[in-house]
Each structure stands twice: as C-alpha cells, then as structure tokens.
Amino acid sequence: MSSRMLDACLLSLALVLASCTQAPGDNATGSGDAAAEGATASDPALDEPSEEVPPAIAPAATTPDFTGFGPVPFGAEAQALKRALGGSLEEGATESPDACHYLFPQPRPEQGQGTTFMIEGRRFVRVDTDDPATTAPGGGRIGMSVDEVAALYPGLSASPHKYVEGAQSLRVTRDGSDAVLLFEADAQGRVQEWRIGLPPQVDYVERCG
C-alpha cells in the first residue's frame, strides 16, 4: 500500500473515532432547548376563549333597606324577587295570587321564621325578620333595647303594641323613601323582630291574617 493511501485511511479512521467520542447529551440538549422554547411560546389562538365569557354577576344583597331587597325594589312584581333569589322560595298558602301571602327562602330555619317576603296584589311589599344575625338599615338589631334603637334613629315614633300589653312598636321613616322600618319590642323593652316595607302592608300587625 502506498504512503498516500495509508494517510487517507488513517485520516478516515480519525474522523470516525472523533464522531464516536462526541458527548451524547449534545443533540439531546439541542432538542430539549427547542422543546422548552416551544413550551413557553405563547400561542395567540390559545390566549383567546373560544366562546364569549359573560361578566361576573355580583351577589344580591342579603339584607333589606329602604329601597327594597338587593336589586328588587318594593312594589316590583313578585316574579322579579323570585328571579333575583334564584328560585329558592317556597310560596305560602294563599287563596289567590293576588291575596296577601309570603315567600319563604329555603331551607327554613329550625327556629322562628327567618327572613320572609310579603306579596300582595302580586307585588313585593314588605320584608319581615326575626333573625338576630340580620341587621336593619341604620344598624338596628334584634335584642337591642328601646333606648338603643332610639339612639340609632333620632325622631322615631313609639306607640303601644296593638295586642301585647307593655310592648311597643318603633316606627322609622326616611326622607325620599315611601318605605317604613318598624321594630317590635316586647314588654321588657327588647326588640324581638322587625320589618320594612310599604304602607299599608307594613302596618299589618297580623301579617297576612
């Protein structure tokens, strides 16, 4: 074999050996970098939802005020109140949809009536509560004394209860609203329940009779 052919063979062998000694992670690192780049790249098609997302709905208020209950004003149709509360209302006994009756949120409390909604003439007219955890507009609460309520509502009017000797009804009005807030205090001078709504229904001591 000539020296030129020998040199060529040695050069080929050297190239083969060099390729065999290449670090095994070189190619893997390259492909891993590419995969990482692909994983972090933002795909505009994935950033946009496939369907239009409706805006978040704020939860309805859980206490009444001088305008009504949450988004439902006093005088609104009863169906508006049912929709606002998600249909979780049980209708009380009534001779007709126009007669005075109550809607009761479910589940009912173990004691007392909780917060209930008076309907008359198919209209939402009043809210009653004997729930100590529910605060009246202005800060009044069940369990307060007559003097404490009077301090919160300057100018309120007090009158004897229609049926309970020694008990009182404390009447609160607010400028710009037709609604009336009424606290019922027992003979010991402690608030046992309160209601708010439109006259004349707010003055029904017998509720719906």
C-alpha atoms as a PDB file:
ATOM      1  CA  MET A   1       0.000   0.000   0.000  1.00  0.00           C
ATOM      2  CA  SER A   2       1.347   3.389  -0.951  1.00  0.00           C
ATOM      3  CA  SER A   3       2.004   6.002   1.698  1.00  0.00           C
ATOM      4  CA  ARG A   4      -0.700   8.255   0.172  1.00  0.00           C
ATOM      5  CA  MET A   5      -3.343   5.567   0.513  1.00  0.00           C
ATOM      6  CA  LEU A   6      -2.217   4.844   4.074  1.00  0.00           C
ATOM      7  CA  ASP A   7      -2.539   8.500   5.005  1.00  0.00           C
ATOM      8  CA  ALA A   8      -6.053   8.603   3.579  1.00  0.00           C
ATOM      9  CA  CYS A   9      -7.080   5.547   5.573  1.00  0.00           C
ATOM     10  CA  LEU A  10      -5.653   6.976   8.774  1.00  0.00           C
ATOM     11  CA  LEU A  11      -7.499  10.257   8.198  1.00  0.00           C
ATOM     12  CA  SER A  12     -10.804   8.421   7.668  1.00  0.00           C
ATOM     13  CA  LEU A  13     -10.261   6.399  10.830  1.00  0.00           C
ATOM     14  CA  ALA A  14      -9.529   9.547  12.825  1.00  0.00           C
ATOM     15  CA  LEU A  15     -12.781  11.151  11.646  1.00  0.00           C
ATOM     16  CA  VAL A  16     -14.780   8.063  12.603  1.00  0.00           C
ATOM     17  CA  LEU A  17     -13.228   7.995  16.079  1.00  0.00           C
ATOM     18  CA  ALA A  18     -13.904  11.709  16.565  1.00  0.00           C
ATOM     19  CA  SER A  19     -17.598  11.273  15.772  1.00  0.00           C
ATOM     20  CA  CYS A  20     -17.876   8.366  18.196  1.00  0.00           C
ATOM     21  CA  THR A  21     -16.419  10.401  21.092  1.00  0.00           C
ATOM     22  CA  GLN A  22     -18.959  13.303  20.726  1.00  0.00           C
ATOM     23  CA  ALA A  23     -20.793  13.978  24.040  1.00  0.00           C
ATOM     24  CA  PRO A  24     -24.096  12.064  23.976  1.00  0.00           C
ATOM     25  CA  GLY A  25     -26.024  14.943  25.517  1.00  0.00           C
ATOM     26  CA  ASP A  26     -25.171  17.472  22.789  1.00  0.00           C
ATOM     27  CA  ASN A  27     -28.014  16.564  20.449  1.00  0.00           C
ATOM     28  CA  ALA A  28     -30.404  15.939  23.369  1.00  0.00           C
ATOM     29  CA  THR A  29     -29.637  19.382  24.752  1.00  0.00           C
ATOM     30  CA  GLY A  30     -30.399  20.993  21.452  1.00  0.00           C
ATOM     31  CA  SER A  31     -33.728  19.237  21.097  1.00  0.00           C
ATOM     32  CA  GLY A  32     -34.563  19.977  24.768  1.00  0.00           C
ATOM     33  CA  ASP A  33     -33.929  23.690  24.233  1.00  0.00           C
ATOM     34  CA  ALA A  34     -36.195  23.658  21.230  1.00  0.00           C
ATOM     35  CA  ALA A  35     -38.909  21.858  23.225  1.00  0.00           C
ATOM     36  CA  ALA A  36     -38.586  24.347  26.056  1.00  0.00           C
ATOM     37  CA  GLU A  37     -38.885  27.244  23.643  1.00  0.00           C
ATOM     38  CA  GLY A  38     -41.969  25.631  22.150  1.00  0.00           C
ATOM     39  CA  ALA A  39     -43.489  25.082  25.586  1.00  0.00           C
ATOM     40  CA  THR A  40     -43.053  28.695  26.683  1.00  0.00           C
ATOM     41  CA  ALA A  41     -44.053  30.276  23.426  1.00  0.00           C
ATOM     42  CA  SER A  42     -47.454  31.927  23.570  1.00  0.00           C
ATOM     43  CA  ASP A  43     -49.979  30.713  21.066  1.00  0.00           C
ATOM     44  CA  PRO A  44     -52.367  33.610  20.307  1.00  0.00           C
ATOM     45  CA  ALA A  45     -55.094  31.127  19.419  1.00  0.00           C
ATOM     46  CA  LEU A  46     -54.943  29.668  22.950  1.00  0.00           C
ATOM     47  CA  ASP A  47     -54.971  33.078  24.664  1.00  0.00           C
ATOM     48  CA  GLU A  48     -58.497  33.869  23.476  1.00  0.00           C
ATOM     49  CA  PRO A  49     -61.527  31.903  24.817  1.00  0.00           C
ATOM     50  CA  SER A  50     -63.476  30.004  22.206  1.00  0.00           C
ATOM     51  CA  GLU A  51     -66.739  31.479  23.498  1.00  0.00           C
ATOM     52  CA  GLU A  52     -67.718  34.856  24.829  1.00  0.00           C
ATOM     53  CA  VAL A  53     -67.451  34.857  28.636  1.00  0.00           C
ATOM     54  CA  PRO A  54     -70.288  36.683  30.412  1.00  0.00           C
ATOM     55  CA  PRO A  55     -69.368  39.291  33.050  1.00  0.00           C
ATOM     56  CA  ALA A  56     -69.339  38.210  36.668  1.00  0.00           C
ATOM     57  CA  ILE A  57     -72.622  38.731  38.456  1.00  0.00           C
ATOM     58  CA  ALA A  58     -72.426  40.488  41.827  1.00  0.00           C
ATOM     59  CA  PRO A  59     -74.205  38.618  44.586  1.00  0.00           C
ATOM     60  CA  ALA A  60     -77.526  40.047  45.646  1.00  0.00           C
ATOM     61  CA  ALA A  61     -77.698  41.915  48.915  1.00  0.00           C
ATOM     62  CA  THR A  62     -78.697  39.761  51.851  1.00  0.00           C
ATOM     63  CA  THR A  63     -80.417  42.466  53.920  1.00  0.00           C
ATOM     64  CA  PRO A  64     -83.298  44.771  53.035  1.00  0.00           C
ATOM     65  CA  ASP A  65     -83.121  48.553  53.017  1.00  0.00           C
ATOM     66  CA  PHE A  66     -85.450  51.486  52.370  1.00  0.00           C
ATOM     67  CA  THR A  67     -85.499  50.753  48.634  1.00  0.00           C
ATOM     68  CA  GLY A  68     -86.229  47.026  48.722  1.00  0.00           C
ATOM     69  CA  PHE A  69     -84.167  43.860  48.762  1.00  0.00           C
ATOM     70  CA  GLY A  70     -80.982  43.799  46.700  1.00  0.00           C
ATOM     71  CA  PRO A  71     -81.836  44.693  43.096  1.00  0.00           C
ATOM     72  CA  VAL A  72     -85.589  44.288  43.664  1.00  0.00           C
ATOM     73  CA  PRO A  73     -87.434  47.459  44.763  1.00  0.00           C
ATOM     74  CA  PHE A  74     -90.564  47.498  46.847  1.00  0.00           C
ATOM     75  CA  GLY A  75     -93.563  47.455  44.522  1.00  0.00           C
ATOM     76  CA  ALA A  76     -91.878  45.203  41.965  1.00  0.00           C
ATOM     77  CA  GLU A  77     -93.635  42.118  40.628  1.00  0.00           C
ATOM     78  CA  ALA A  78     -93.242  39.001  42.745  1.00  0.00           C
ATOM     79  CA  GLN A  79     -91.600  37.212  39.817  1.00  0.00           C
ATOM     80  CA  ALA A  80     -88.709  39.698  39.912  1.00  0.00           C
ATOM     81  CA  LEU A  81     -88.000  38.718  43.509  1.00  0.00           C
ATOM     82  CA  LYS A  82     -88.147  35.020  42.642  1.00  0.00           C
ATOM     83  CA  ARG A  83     -85.666  35.503  39.806  1.00  0.00           C
ATOM     84  CA  ALA A  84     -83.297  37.534  41.977  1.00  0.00           C
ATOM     85  CA  LEU A  85     -83.208  34.849  44.661  1.00  0.00           C
ATOM     86  CA  GLY A  86     -82.649  32.037  42.220  1.00  0.00           C
ATOM     87  CA  GLY A  87     -85.976  30.316  42.658  1.00  0.00           C
ATOM     88  CA  SER A  88     -85.161  29.158  46.218  1.00  0.00           C
ATOM     89  CA  LEU A  89     -88.503  30.394  47.538  1.00  0.00           C
ATOM     90  CA  GLU A  90     -91.486  28.470  48.832  1.00  0.00           C
ATOM     91  CA  GLU A  91     -94.858  30.131  48.367  1.00  0.00           C
ATOM     92  CA  GLY A  92     -97.063  30.287  51.434  1.00  0.00           C
ATOM     93  CA  ALA A  93    -100.705  29.302  51.438  1.00  0.00           C
ATOM     94  CA  THR A  94    -102.944  31.729  49.578  1.00  0.00           C
ATOM     95  CA  GLU A  95    -106.446  31.748  48.162  1.00  0.00           C
ATOM     96  CA  SER A  96    -105.264  33.504  45.013  1.00  0.00           C
ATOM     97  CA  PRO A  97    -102.042  35.022  43.623  1.00  0.00           C
ATOM     98  CA  ASP A  98    -103.466  38.477  44.356  1.00  0.00           C
ATOM     99  CA  ALA A  99    -104.126  37.797  48.043  1.00  0.00           C
ATOM    100  CA  CYS A 100    -101.616  38.633  50.763  1.00  0.00           C
ATOM    101  CA  HIS A 101     -99.111  35.810  51.295  1.00  0.00           C
ATOM    102  CA  TYR A 102     -95.440  35.180  51.994  1.00  0.00           C
ATOM    103  CA  LEU A 103     -92.465  33.741  50.160  1.00  0.00           C
ATOM    104  CA  PHE A 104     -90.132  31.690  52.353  1.00  0.00           C
ATOM    105  CA  PRO A 105     -86.444  31.198  51.425  1.00  0.00           C
ATOM    106  CA  GLN A 106     -85.261  27.594  51.581  1.00  0.00           C
ATOM    107  CA  PRO A 107     -84.118  25.912  53.691  1.00  0.00           C
ATOM    108  CA  ARG A 108     -86.310  27.197  56.504  1.00  0.00           C
ATOM    109  CA  PRO A 109     -84.625  27.939  59.867  1.00  0.00           C
ATOM    110  CA  GLU A 110     -85.057  25.472  62.707  1.00  0.00           C
ATOM    111  CA  GLN A 111     -86.435  28.224  64.937  1.00  0.00           C
ATOM    112  CA  GLY A 112     -88.587  31.213  64.057  1.00  0.00           C
ATOM    113  CA  GLN A 113     -89.465  32.413  60.581  1.00  0.00           C
ATOM    114  CA  GLY A 114     -86.124  33.842  59.475  1.00  0.00           C
ATOM    115  CA  THR A 115     -86.388  36.451  56.737  1.00  0.00           C
ATOM    116  CA  THR A 116     -89.616  36.341  54.736  1.00  0.00           C
ATOM    117  CA  PHE A 117     -91.139  38.366  51.916  1.00  0.00           C
ATOM    118  CA  MET A 118     -94.724  39.633  51.804  1.00  0.00           C
ATOM    119  CA  ILE A 119     -96.555  39.649  48.482  1.00  0.00           C
ATOM    120  CA  GLU A 120     -99.882  41.363  47.907  1.00  0.00           C
ATOM    121  CA  GLY A 121    -101.550  42.144  44.599  1.00  0.00           C
ATOM    122  CA  ARG A 122     -98.700  40.128  43.039  1.00  0.00           C
ATOM    123  CA  ARG A 123     -96.282  42.812  44.233  1.00  0.00           C
ATOM    124  CA  PHE A 124     -93.349  42.637  46.643  1.00  0.00           C
ATOM    125  CA  VAL A 125     -94.335  44.973  49.505  1.00  0.00           C
ATOM    126  CA  ARG A 126     -92.577  44.014  52.739  1.00  0.00           C
ATOM    127  CA  VAL A 127     -89.747  42.065  54.426  1.00  0.00           C
ATOM    128  CA  ASP A 128     -90.068  40.568  57.927  1.00  0.00           C
ATOM    129  CA  THR A 129     -87.287  39.049  60.010  1.00  0.00           C
ATOM    130  CA  ASP A 130     -86.796  37.522  63.443  1.00  0.00           C
ATOM    131  CA  ASP A 131     -83.211  36.519  62.616  1.00  0.00           C
ATOM    132  CA  PRO A 132     -80.788  38.029  65.193  1.00  0.00           C
ATOM    133  CA  ALA A 133     -77.976  37.916  62.633  1.00  0.00           C
ATOM    134  CA  THR A 134     -79.786  40.243  60.216  1.00  0.00           C
ATOM    135  CA  THR A 135     -79.116  43.953  60.663  1.00  0.00           C
ATOM    136  CA  ALA A 136     -81.733  46.558  59.803  1.00  0.00           C
ATOM    137  CA  PRO A 137     -80.776  49.568  57.685  1.00  0.00           C
ATOM    138  CA  GLY A 138     -79.237  52.047  60.098  1.00  0.00           C
ATOM    139  CA  GLY A 139     -77.854  49.376  62.434  1.00  0.00           C
ATOM    140  CA  GLY A 140     -80.854  48.190  64.457  1.00  0.00           C
ATOM    141  CA  ARG A 141     -80.832  44.568  65.583  1.00  0.00           C
ATOM    142  CA  ILE A 142     -82.980  42.063  67.425  1.00  0.00           C
ATOM    143  CA  GLY A 143     -82.135  42.043  71.131  1.00  0.00           C
ATOM    144  CA  MET A 144     -81.488  45.791  71.351  1.00  0.00           C
ATOM    145  CA  SER A 145     -83.271  47.853  73.969  1.00  0.00           C
ATOM    146  CA  VAL A 146     -85.776  50.535  73.049  1.00  0.00           C
ATOM    147  CA  ASP A 147     -83.274  53.181  74.172  1.00  0.00           C
ATOM    148  CA  GLU A 148     -80.526  51.725  71.950  1.00  0.00           C
ATOM    149  CA  VAL A 149     -82.836  51.770  68.928  1.00  0.00           C
ATOM    150  CA  ALA A 150     -83.924  55.345  69.716  1.00  0.00           C
ATOM    151  CA  ALA A 151     -80.274  56.416  69.799  1.00  0.00           C
ATOM    152  CA  LEU A 152     -79.711  54.984  66.319  1.00  0.00           C
ATOM    153  CA  TYR A 153     -82.837  56.552  64.810  1.00  0.00           C
ATOM    154  CA  PRO A 154     -83.450  60.087  66.113  1.00  0.00           C
ATOM    155  CA  GLY A 155     -87.018  61.149  65.562  1.00  0.00           C
ATOM    156  CA  LEU A 156     -88.549  57.648  65.576  1.00  0.00           C
ATOM    157  CA  SER A 157     -92.099  57.378  66.888  1.00  0.00           C
ATOM    158  CA  ALA A 158     -93.146  54.835  69.520  1.00  0.00           C
ATOM    159  CA  SER A 159     -96.652  53.518  70.056  1.00  0.00           C
ATOM    160  CA  PRO A 160     -98.199  50.745  72.199  1.00  0.00           C
ATOM    161  CA  HIS A 161     -98.387  47.343  70.556  1.00  0.00           C
ATOM    162  CA  LYS A 162    -101.831  46.501  69.252  1.00  0.00           C
ATOM    163  CA  TYR A 163    -102.113  43.219  71.168  1.00  0.00           C
ATOM    164  CA  VAL A 164     -99.289  42.864  73.728  1.00  0.00           C
ATOM    165  CA  GLU A 165     -99.621  44.922  76.886  1.00  0.00           C
ATOM    166  CA  GLY A 166     -96.453  46.859  77.661  1.00  0.00           C
ATOM    167  CA  ALA A 167     -94.912  46.109  74.264  1.00  0.00           C
ATOM    168  CA  GLN A 168     -94.076  48.856  71.757  1.00  0.00           C
ATOM    169  CA  SER A 169     -93.842  49.440  68.029  1.00  0.00           C
ATOM    170  CA  LEU A 170     -90.976  51.731  66.985  1.00  0.00           C
ATOM    171  CA  ARG A 171     -91.563  53.416  63.633  1.00  0.00           C
ATOM    172  CA  VAL A 172     -88.740  54.826  61.483  1.00  0.00           C
ATOM    173  CA  THR A 173     -89.119  56.754  58.226  1.00  0.00           C
ATOM    174  CA  ARG A 174     -86.523  58.194  55.885  1.00  0.00           C
ATOM    175  CA  ASP A 175     -86.726  61.238  53.628  1.00  0.00           C
ATOM    176  CA  GLY A 176     -87.049  60.312  49.958  1.00  0.00           C
ATOM    177  CA  SER A 177     -88.491  56.841  50.619  1.00  0.00           C
ATOM    178  CA  ASP A 178     -92.073  55.626  50.986  1.00  0.00           C
ATOM    179  CA  ALA A 179     -90.893  52.608  52.971  1.00  0.00           C
ATOM    180  CA  VAL A 180     -91.230  52.361  56.747  1.00  0.00           C
ATOM    181  CA  LEU A 181     -88.997  50.446  59.179  1.00  0.00           C
ATOM    182  CA  LEU A 182     -90.803  49.012  62.216  1.00  0.00           C
ATOM    183  CA  PHE A 183     -89.223  47.405  65.298  1.00  0.00           C
ATOM    184  CA  GLU A 184     -91.404  45.328  67.603  1.00  0.00           C
ATOM    185  CA  ALA A 185     -90.216  45.443  71.238  1.00  0.00           C
ATOM    186  CA  ASP A 186     -91.626  43.201  73.969  1.00  0.00           C
ATOM    187  CA  ALA A 187     -92.907  44.288  77.379  1.00  0.00           C
ATOM    188  CA  GLN A 188     -89.329  44.148  78.716  1.00  0.00           C
ATOM    189  CA  GLY A 189     -88.261  46.718  76.133  1.00  0.00           C
ATOM    190  CA  ARG A 190     -86.239  44.370  73.878  1.00  0.00           C
ATOM    191  CA  VAL A 191     -86.622  44.136  70.103  1.00  0.00           C
ATOM    192  CA  GLN A 192     -87.963  40.720  69.085  1.00  0.00           C
ATOM    193  CA  GLU A 193     -88.443  41.283  65.345  1.00  0.00           C
ATOM    194  CA  TRP A 194     -88.501  43.989  62.741  1.00  0.00           C
ATOM    195  CA  ARG A 195     -89.926  44.610  59.306  1.00  0.00           C
ATOM    196  CA  ILE A 196     -89.615  47.107  56.498  1.00  0.00           C
ATOM    197  CA  GLY A 197     -91.899  47.822  53.566  1.00  0.00           C
ATOM    198  CA  LEU A 198     -94.605  49.961  52.060  1.00  0.00           C
ATOM    199  CA  PRO A 199     -97.746  51.233  53.798  1.00  0.00           C
ATOM    200  CA  PRO A 200    -100.353  49.996  54.366  1.00  0.00           C
ATOM    201  CA  GLN A 201     -98.885  46.481  54.311  1.00  0.00           C
ATOM    202  CA  VAL A 202     -96.001  47.331  56.656  1.00  0.00           C
ATOM    203  CA  ASP A 203     -98.593  48.126  59.340  1.00  0.00           C
ATOM    204  CA  TYR A 204    -100.307  44.729  59.149  1.00  0.00           C
ATOM    205  CA  VAL A 205     -99.670  43.548  62.705  1.00  0.00           C
ATOM    206  CA  GLU A 206    -101.341  40.228  61.878  1.00  0.00           C
ATOM    207  CA  ARG A 207     -99.013  39.765  58.880  1.00  0.00           C
ATOM    208  CA  CYS A 208    -101.350  38.256  56.260  1.00  0.00           C
ATOM    209  CA  GLY A 209    -104.074  37.485  58.792  1.00  0.00           C
END
